[in-house]
C-alpha cells in the first residue's frame, strides 16, 4: 500500500468561494449503523495500525505545493490529504460556505495549500471505522442523509463529535494503489461529483452502491 507523502502543509488559505444555495436538511430519525458490508472484490480493509504504518513509509510521491508560502510540518502520520482519482484534485473543506453548506467537501484544489485540504483519520477499534476530522475547522465529516436532491448524502465537516453519521470504512486496492470510503450510515461509497456545476462541482457524496471506477477512488497523501 502507498500513502503518498507531503513534506509540509502551507498555512495560507485560498480565496473564499461563492456560497451554495442548497435547501436546509429535513428533520429525520437518528442514524443507524448498517454494519460492514462484504469487502468489495479486489479491495481490502485498512485498519488503524496499517494506515499508520503506510502513512510514514519512505519513497512516496510528493503532492504539488503552493509557491511562496511558509510551511508547517504535520504532527501525526494519520494527518492526510485526499486526492480524487477522477479529476486529480485534492479535497477541501469549504469552511467559508454559508449555512447550510458550511464545511462541504469538494475535490477542487490543484495543490495542498493549507489546512483546508488536511484531514485527521481517527481510528476507532470498537467499530473498526474511521472518523475524518477537518484540519480547517476541527469538525468531523458527516454524511448529510437528510439533505435532498443533488445534495443528498453530501459530506460536510460540521460535527463536534463522531457518531454513526461520521464513520467510514476504508478500503485499499493494491493493483490500483487507490483507496475507497464507505459510509456506515447508509452503506454507500463516497463518490466525487465531477459532472456537477456551480458551487457543488466536485462535491463528495456517499451515494454509490459499488466502487465502479475513478468516481469512488482516491489517493492518500501523508502530511507528515
C-alpha atoms as a PDB file:
ATOM      1  CA  UNK A   1       0.000   0.000   0.000  1.00  0.00           C
ATOM      2  CA  UNK A   2       1.110   3.553  -0.651  1.00  0.00           C
ATOM      3  CA  UNK A   3       0.222   6.780   1.062  1.00  0.00           C
ATOM      4  CA  UNK A   4       1.950   9.496  -0.932  1.00  0.00           C
ATOM      5  CA  UNK A   5       3.994  11.902   1.139  1.00  0.00           C
ATOM      6  CA  UNK A   6       3.620  15.664   1.525  1.00  0.00           C
ATOM      7  CA  UNK A   7       6.565  17.007   3.470  1.00  0.00           C
ATOM      8  CA  UNK A   8       4.796  20.186   4.550  1.00  0.00           C
ATOM      9  CA  UNK A   9       1.415  21.905   4.662  1.00  0.00           C
ATOM     10  CA  UNK A  10       1.027  25.565   3.791  1.00  0.00           C
ATOM     11  CA  UNK A  11      -0.914  27.712   6.201  1.00  0.00           C
ATOM     12  CA  UNK A  12      -2.317  30.292   3.808  1.00  0.00           C
ATOM     13  CA  UNK A  13      -5.916  29.615   2.744  1.00  0.00           C
ATOM     14  CA  UNK A  14      -7.296  30.031  -0.757  1.00  0.00           C
ATOM     15  CA  UNK A  15      -9.828  32.724  -1.618  1.00  0.00           C
ATOM     16  CA  UNK A  16     -13.366  32.454  -0.308  1.00  0.00           C
ATOM     17  CA  UNK A  17     -15.609  30.594  -2.747  1.00  0.00           C
ATOM     18  CA  UNK A  18     -19.168  31.543  -3.596  1.00  0.00           C
ATOM     19  CA  UNK A  19     -21.728  30.154  -1.159  1.00  0.00           C
ATOM     20  CA  UNK A  20     -24.021  27.463  -2.481  1.00  0.00           C
ATOM     21  CA  UNK A  21     -27.798  27.625  -2.369  1.00  0.00           C
ATOM     22  CA  UNK A  22     -28.850  24.182  -1.196  1.00  0.00           C
ATOM     23  CA  UNK A  23     -32.014  23.751   0.819  1.00  0.00           C
ATOM     24  CA  UNK A  24     -31.735  23.033   4.529  1.00  0.00           C
ATOM     25  CA  UNK A  25     -31.863  19.370   5.547  1.00  0.00           C
ATOM     26  CA  UNK A  26     -35.183  17.946   6.605  1.00  0.00           C
ATOM     27  CA  UNK A  27     -35.689  16.516  10.065  1.00  0.00           C
ATOM     28  CA  UNK A  28     -35.159  12.792  10.398  1.00  0.00           C
ATOM     29  CA  UNK A  29     -34.667   9.876  12.739  1.00  0.00           C
ATOM     30  CA  UNK A  30     -31.358   9.171  14.453  1.00  0.00           C
ATOM     31  CA  UNK A  31     -28.860   7.385  12.185  1.00  0.00           C
ATOM     32  CA  UNK A  32     -28.413   3.633  12.410  1.00  0.00           C
ATOM     33  CA  UNK A  33     -25.098   1.916  11.680  1.00  0.00           C
ATOM     34  CA  UNK A  34     -25.820  -0.501   8.845  1.00  0.00           C
ATOM     35  CA  UNK A  35     -22.778  -2.574   9.739  1.00  0.00           C
ATOM     36  CA  UNK A  36     -19.916  -3.577   7.456  1.00  0.00           C
ATOM     37  CA  UNK A  37     -20.908  -4.872   4.066  1.00  0.00           C
ATOM     38  CA  UNK A  38     -18.927  -7.516   2.197  1.00  0.00           C
ATOM     39  CA  UNK A  39     -15.500  -6.240   1.204  1.00  0.00           C
ATOM     40  CA  UNK A  40     -15.567  -5.282  -2.492  1.00  0.00           C
ATOM     41  CA  UNK A  41     -13.801  -7.715  -4.801  1.00  0.00           C
ATOM     42  CA  UNK A  42     -10.152  -6.739  -5.262  1.00  0.00           C
ATOM     43  CA  UNK A  43     -10.184  -4.487  -2.202  1.00  0.00           C
ATOM     44  CA  UNK A  44      -9.065  -4.993   1.401  1.00  0.00           C
ATOM     45  CA  UNK A  45      -9.954  -3.240   4.639  1.00  0.00           C
ATOM     46  CA  UNK A  46      -7.393  -0.905   6.196  1.00  0.00           C
ATOM     47  CA  UNK A  47      -7.232  -0.720   9.988  1.00  0.00           C
ATOM     48  CA  UNK A  48      -5.630   1.965  12.120  1.00  0.00           C
ATOM     49  CA  UNK A  49      -2.305   0.214  12.620  1.00  0.00           C
ATOM     50  CA  UNK A  50      -1.902  -0.462   8.913  1.00  0.00           C
ATOM     51  CA  UNK A  51      -2.733   3.106   7.947  1.00  0.00           C
ATOM     52  CA  UNK A  52      -0.244   4.452  10.476  1.00  0.00           C
ATOM     53  CA  UNK A  53       2.446   2.172   9.101  1.00  0.00           C
ATOM     54  CA  UNK A  54       1.948   3.006   5.443  1.00  0.00           C
ATOM     55  CA  UNK A  55       1.423   6.715   6.054  1.00  0.00           C
ATOM     56  CA  UNK A  56       5.041   7.155   7.127  1.00  0.00           C
ATOM     57  CA  UNK A  57       6.751   4.968   4.561  1.00  0.00           C
ATOM     58  CA  UNK A  58       9.611   6.392   2.572  1.00  0.00           C
ATOM     59  CA  UNK A  59       9.786   6.929  -1.166  1.00  0.00           C
ATOM     60  CA  UNK A  60       6.228   8.097  -1.700  1.00  0.00           C
ATOM     61  CA  UNK A  61       5.366  10.796  -4.215  1.00  0.00           C
ATOM     62  CA  UNK A  62       5.081  14.416  -3.088  1.00  0.00           C
ATOM     63  CA  UNK A  63       1.992  16.409  -3.952  1.00  0.00           C
ATOM     64  CA  UNK A  64       2.253  19.811  -5.667  1.00  0.00           C
ATOM     65  CA  UNK A  65       2.506  22.651  -3.168  1.00  0.00           C
ATOM     66  CA  UNK A  66       1.562  26.309  -3.273  1.00  0.00           C
ATOM     67  CA  UNK A  67       4.545  28.540  -4.028  1.00  0.00           C
ATOM     68  CA  UNK A  68       5.755  31.341  -1.799  1.00  0.00           C
ATOM     69  CA  UNK A  69       4.128  30.290   1.469  1.00  0.00           C
ATOM     70  CA  UNK A  70       5.741  29.260   4.720  1.00  0.00           C
ATOM     71  CA  UNK A  71       5.410  25.600   5.719  1.00  0.00           C
ATOM     72  CA  UNK A  72       4.288  23.802   8.818  1.00  0.00           C
ATOM     73  CA  UNK A  73       5.077  20.126   9.403  1.00  0.00           C
ATOM     74  CA  UNK A  74       2.256  17.846  10.354  1.00  0.00           C
ATOM     75  CA  UNK A  75       2.484  16.224  13.766  1.00  0.00           C
ATOM     76  CA  UNK A  76       0.950  12.789  13.189  1.00  0.00           C
ATOM     77  CA  UNK A  77       1.148  10.249  10.333  1.00  0.00           C
ATOM     78  CA  UNK A  78      -2.631   9.916  10.158  1.00  0.00           C
ATOM     79  CA  UNK A  79      -2.970  13.529   9.002  1.00  0.00           C
ATOM     80  CA  UNK A  80      -3.751  13.075   5.331  1.00  0.00           C
ATOM     81  CA  UNK A  81      -4.847  14.760   2.117  1.00  0.00           C
ATOM     82  CA  UNK A  82      -7.435  13.059  -0.089  1.00  0.00           C
ATOM     83  CA  UNK A  83      -6.977  13.255  -3.865  1.00  0.00           C
ATOM     84  CA  UNK A  84      -9.713  12.244  -6.274  1.00  0.00           C
ATOM     85  CA  UNK A  85      -8.679   9.731  -8.931  1.00  0.00           C
ATOM     86  CA  UNK A  86     -11.373  11.177 -11.183  1.00  0.00           C
ATOM     87  CA  UNK A  87     -10.059  14.733 -11.564  1.00  0.00           C
ATOM     88  CA  UNK A  88      -6.675  14.600  -9.805  1.00  0.00           C
ATOM     89  CA  UNK A  89      -7.673  17.307  -7.330  1.00  0.00           C
ATOM     90  CA  UNK A  90      -7.371  17.416  -3.559  1.00  0.00           C
ATOM     91  CA  UNK A  91     -10.411  17.506  -1.311  1.00  0.00           C
ATOM     92  CA  UNK A  92     -11.023  20.758   0.568  1.00  0.00           C
ATOM     93  CA  UNK A  93     -13.496  21.615   3.320  1.00  0.00           C
ATOM     94  CA  UNK A  94     -15.419  24.721   2.267  1.00  0.00           C
ATOM     95  CA  UNK A  95     -15.441  26.352   5.685  1.00  0.00           C
ATOM     96  CA  UNK A  96     -16.448  29.727   4.231  1.00  0.00           C
ATOM     97  CA  UNK A  97     -19.565  28.462   2.505  1.00  0.00           C
ATOM     98  CA  UNK A  98     -22.764  29.833   4.030  1.00  0.00           C
ATOM     99  CA  UNK A  99     -25.151  27.646   6.055  1.00  0.00           C
ATOM    100  CA  UNK A 100     -26.398  25.010   5.477  1.00  0.00           C
ATOM    101  CA  UNK A 101     -23.422  24.211   3.218  1.00  0.00           C
ATOM    102  CA  UNK A 102     -20.654  25.209   5.653  1.00  0.00           C
ATOM    103  CA  UNK A 103     -17.818  22.684   5.568  1.00  0.00           C
ATOM    104  CA  UNK A 104     -18.920  20.919   2.367  1.00  0.00           C
ATOM    105  CA  UNK A 105     -16.183  18.657   0.967  1.00  0.00           C
ATOM    106  CA  UNK A 106     -15.123  19.248  -2.643  1.00  0.00           C
ATOM    107  CA  UNK A 107     -12.215  17.814  -4.657  1.00  0.00           C
ATOM    108  CA  UNK A 108     -11.300  21.174  -6.146  1.00  0.00           C
ATOM    109  CA  UNK A 109      -7.702  22.047  -5.107  1.00  0.00           C
ATOM    110  CA  UNK A 110      -4.793  21.524  -7.508  1.00  0.00           C
ATOM    111  CA  UNK A 111      -2.341  21.549  -4.593  1.00  0.00           C
ATOM    112  CA  UNK A 112      -2.298  21.314  -0.831  1.00  0.00           C
ATOM    113  CA  UNK A 113      -2.340  24.972   0.133  1.00  0.00           C
ATOM    114  CA  UNK A 114      -3.242  24.768   3.818  1.00  0.00           C
ATOM    115  CA  UNK A 115      -5.477  23.203   6.423  1.00  0.00           C
ATOM    116  CA  UNK A 116      -8.448  23.265   4.027  1.00  0.00           C
ATOM    117  CA  UNK A 117      -7.064  20.116   2.367  1.00  0.00           C
ATOM    118  CA  UNK A 118      -5.973  18.308   5.545  1.00  0.00           C
ATOM    119  CA  UNK A 119      -7.898  15.617   7.443  1.00  0.00           C
ATOM    120  CA  UNK A 120      -7.149  13.552  10.538  1.00  0.00           C
ATOM    121  CA  UNK A 121      -8.163   9.920  10.008  1.00  0.00           C
ATOM    122  CA  UNK A 122      -9.122   8.812  13.529  1.00  0.00           C
ATOM    123  CA  UNK A 123      -9.404   5.043  14.009  1.00  0.00           C
ATOM    124  CA  UNK A 124     -11.996   3.502  16.337  1.00  0.00           C
ATOM    125  CA  UNK A 125     -11.081  -0.050  17.347  1.00  0.00           C
ATOM    126  CA  UNK A 126     -14.540  -0.987  18.650  1.00  0.00           C
ATOM    127  CA  UNK A 127     -16.365  -0.234  15.392  1.00  0.00           C
ATOM    128  CA  UNK A 128     -13.370  -0.811  13.078  1.00  0.00           C
ATOM    129  CA  UNK A 129     -14.139   2.501  11.389  1.00  0.00           C
ATOM    130  CA  UNK A 130     -12.577   5.898  10.780  1.00  0.00           C
ATOM    131  CA  UNK A 131     -13.830   9.364  11.583  1.00  0.00           C
ATOM    132  CA  UNK A 132     -12.448  12.148   9.385  1.00  0.00           C
ATOM    133  CA  UNK A 133     -11.747  15.418  11.172  1.00  0.00           C
ATOM    134  CA  UNK A 134     -11.096  18.504   9.058  1.00  0.00           C
ATOM    135  CA  UNK A 135      -7.964  20.448   9.998  1.00  0.00           C
ATOM    136  CA  UNK A 136      -9.628  23.614   8.663  1.00  0.00           C
ATOM    137  CA  UNK A 137     -12.372  23.861  11.309  1.00  0.00           C
ATOM    138  CA  UNK A 138     -11.674  20.909  13.642  1.00  0.00           C
ATOM    139  CA  UNK A 139     -15.086  19.395  12.791  1.00  0.00           C
ATOM    140  CA  UNK A 140     -15.880  15.798  11.889  1.00  0.00           C
ATOM    141  CA  UNK A 141     -17.101  14.932   8.413  1.00  0.00           C
ATOM    142  CA  UNK A 142     -20.748  13.832   8.380  1.00  0.00           C
ATOM    143  CA  UNK A 143     -22.898  12.283   5.654  1.00  0.00           C
ATOM    144  CA  UNK A 144     -25.940  14.510   5.169  1.00  0.00           C
ATOM    145  CA  UNK A 145     -28.502  11.753   4.661  1.00  0.00           C
ATOM    146  CA  UNK A 146     -31.424  14.119   5.225  1.00  0.00           C
ATOM    147  CA  UNK A 147     -30.397  16.567   2.515  1.00  0.00           C
ATOM    148  CA  UNK A 148     -32.495  16.282  -0.618  1.00  0.00           C
ATOM    149  CA  UNK A 149     -31.914  16.353  -4.355  1.00  0.00           C
ATOM    150  CA  UNK A 150     -28.384  16.629  -5.706  1.00  0.00           C
ATOM    151  CA  UNK A 151     -27.028  17.390  -2.222  1.00  0.00           C
ATOM    152  CA  UNK A 152     -28.319  14.213  -0.564  1.00  0.00           C
ATOM    153  CA  UNK A 153     -25.578  12.288   1.293  1.00  0.00           C
ATOM    154  CA  UNK A 154     -23.099  15.107   0.775  1.00  0.00           C
ATOM    155  CA  UNK A 155     -20.008  15.011   3.005  1.00  0.00           C
ATOM    156  CA  UNK A 156     -19.696  18.025   5.287  1.00  0.00           C
ATOM    157  CA  UNK A 157     -17.223  18.886   8.070  1.00  0.00           C
ATOM    158  CA  UNK A 158     -19.723  20.100  10.650  1.00  0.00           C
ATOM    159  CA  UNK A 159     -19.874  17.776  13.703  1.00  0.00           C
ATOM    160  CA  UNK A 160     -18.200  18.264  17.069  1.00  0.00           C
ATOM    161  CA  UNK A 161     -18.371  14.522  17.873  1.00  0.00           C
ATOM    162  CA  UNK A 162     -18.226  11.342  15.811  1.00  0.00           C
ATOM    163  CA  UNK A 163     -21.264   9.048  15.681  1.00  0.00           C
ATOM    164  CA  UNK A 164     -22.979   6.971  13.011  1.00  0.00           C
ATOM    165  CA  UNK A 165     -23.222   9.898  10.604  1.00  0.00           C
ATOM    166  CA  UNK A 166     -19.459  10.476  10.825  1.00  0.00           C
ATOM    167  CA  UNK A 167     -17.988   6.967  10.461  1.00  0.00           C
ATOM    168  CA  UNK A 168     -16.458   5.296   7.422  1.00  0.00           C
ATOM    169  CA  UNK A 169     -14.854   2.028   6.388  1.00  0.00           C
ATOM    170  CA  UNK A 170     -11.578   2.450   4.490  1.00  0.00           C
ATOM    171  CA  UNK A 171     -10.600   0.061   1.670  1.00  0.00           C
ATOM    172  CA  UNK A 172      -7.427  -0.308  -0.392  1.00  0.00           C
ATOM    173  CA  UNK A 173      -6.821  -1.824  -3.837  1.00  0.00           C
ATOM    174  CA  UNK A 174      -3.187  -2.852  -4.267  1.00  0.00           C
ATOM    175  CA  UNK A 175      -3.373  -3.226  -8.053  1.00  0.00           C
ATOM    176  CA  UNK A 176      -4.785   0.282  -8.463  1.00  0.00           C
ATOM    177  CA  UNK A 177      -2.908   1.764  -5.492  1.00  0.00           C
ATOM    178  CA  UNK A 178      -6.121   3.576  -4.562  1.00  0.00           C
ATOM    179  CA  UNK A 179      -8.483   3.898  -1.600  1.00  0.00           C
ATOM    180  CA  UNK A 180     -12.260   3.987  -1.184  1.00  0.00           C
ATOM    181  CA  UNK A 181     -14.503   5.179   1.638  1.00  0.00           C
ATOM    182  CA  UNK A 182     -17.841   3.626   2.619  1.00  0.00           C
ATOM    183  CA  UNK A 183     -20.311   5.370   4.914  1.00  0.00           C
ATOM    184  CA  UNK A 184     -21.568   3.334   7.873  1.00  0.00           C
ATOM    185  CA  UNK A 185     -24.718   5.476   7.881  1.00  0.00           C
ATOM    186  CA  UNK A 186     -26.129   4.317   4.550  1.00  0.00           C
ATOM    187  CA  UNK A 187     -23.668   1.647   3.408  1.00  0.00           C
ATOM    188  CA  UNK A 188     -22.816   3.622   0.259  1.00  0.00           C
ATOM    189  CA  UNK A 189     -19.399   4.503  -1.165  1.00  0.00           C
ATOM    190  CA  UNK A 190     -18.122   8.070  -1.396  1.00  0.00           C
ATOM    191  CA  UNK A 191     -18.064   9.452  -4.945  1.00  0.00           C
ATOM    192  CA  UNK A 192     -16.761  12.715  -6.383  1.00  0.00           C
ATOM    193  CA  UNK A 193     -19.383  14.551  -8.457  1.00  0.00           C
ATOM    194  CA  UNK A 194     -17.242  15.513 -11.430  1.00  0.00           C
ATOM    195  CA  UNK A 195     -20.309  16.248 -13.563  1.00  0.00           C
ATOM    196  CA  UNK A 196     -21.844  18.786 -11.189  1.00  0.00           C
ATOM    197  CA  UNK A 197     -21.603  22.513 -11.941  1.00  0.00           C
ATOM    198  CA  UNK A 198     -21.501  25.660  -9.819  1.00  0.00           C
ATOM    199  CA  UNK A 199     -20.801  25.614  -6.095  1.00  0.00           C
ATOM    200  CA  UNK A 200     -21.420  21.846  -5.867  1.00  0.00           C
ATOM    201  CA  UNK A 201     -18.947  20.940  -8.596  1.00  0.00           C
ATOM    202  CA  UNK A 202     -16.598  18.148  -7.408  1.00  0.00           C
ATOM    203  CA  UNK A 203     -18.641  17.644  -4.216  1.00  0.00           C
ATOM    204  CA  UNK A 204     -18.129  14.385  -2.315  1.00  0.00           C
ATOM    205  CA  UNK A 205     -21.280  12.309  -1.677  1.00  0.00           C
ATOM    206  CA  UNK A 206     -21.847   8.858  -0.157  1.00  0.00           C
ATOM    207  CA  UNK A 207     -24.144   7.689  -2.936  1.00  0.00           C
ATOM    208  CA  UNK A 208     -22.635   4.710  -4.837  1.00  0.00           C
ATOM    209  CA  UNK A 209     -23.708   1.116  -4.205  1.00  0.00           C
ATOM    210  CA  UNK A 210     -20.368  -0.176  -5.547  1.00  0.00           C
ATOM    211  CA  UNK A 211     -16.887   1.011  -6.480  1.00  0.00           C
ATOM    212  CA  UNK A 212     -17.496   1.450 -10.187  1.00  0.00           C
ATOM    213  CA  UNK A 213     -14.314   3.316 -11.152  1.00  0.00           C
ATOM    214  CA  UNK A 214     -12.450   6.554 -10.586  1.00  0.00           C
ATOM    215  CA  UNK A 215     -15.550   8.329  -9.248  1.00  0.00           C
ATOM    216  CA  UNK A 216     -15.188   6.368  -5.978  1.00  0.00           C
ATOM    217  CA  UNK A 217     -11.386   6.049  -5.922  1.00  0.00           C
ATOM    218  CA  UNK A 218      -8.899   8.267  -4.082  1.00  0.00           C
ATOM    219  CA  UNK A 219      -5.205   8.551  -3.264  1.00  0.00           C
ATOM    220  CA  UNK A 220      -3.999   9.439   0.232  1.00  0.00           C
ATOM    221  CA  UNK A 221      -1.074  11.791   0.827  1.00  0.00           C
ATOM    222  CA  UNK A 222       0.725  11.902   4.151  1.00  0.00           C
ATOM    223  CA  UNK A 223       1.089  15.412   5.606  1.00  0.00           C
ATOM    224  CA  UNK A 224       3.977  14.408   7.895  1.00  0.00           C
END
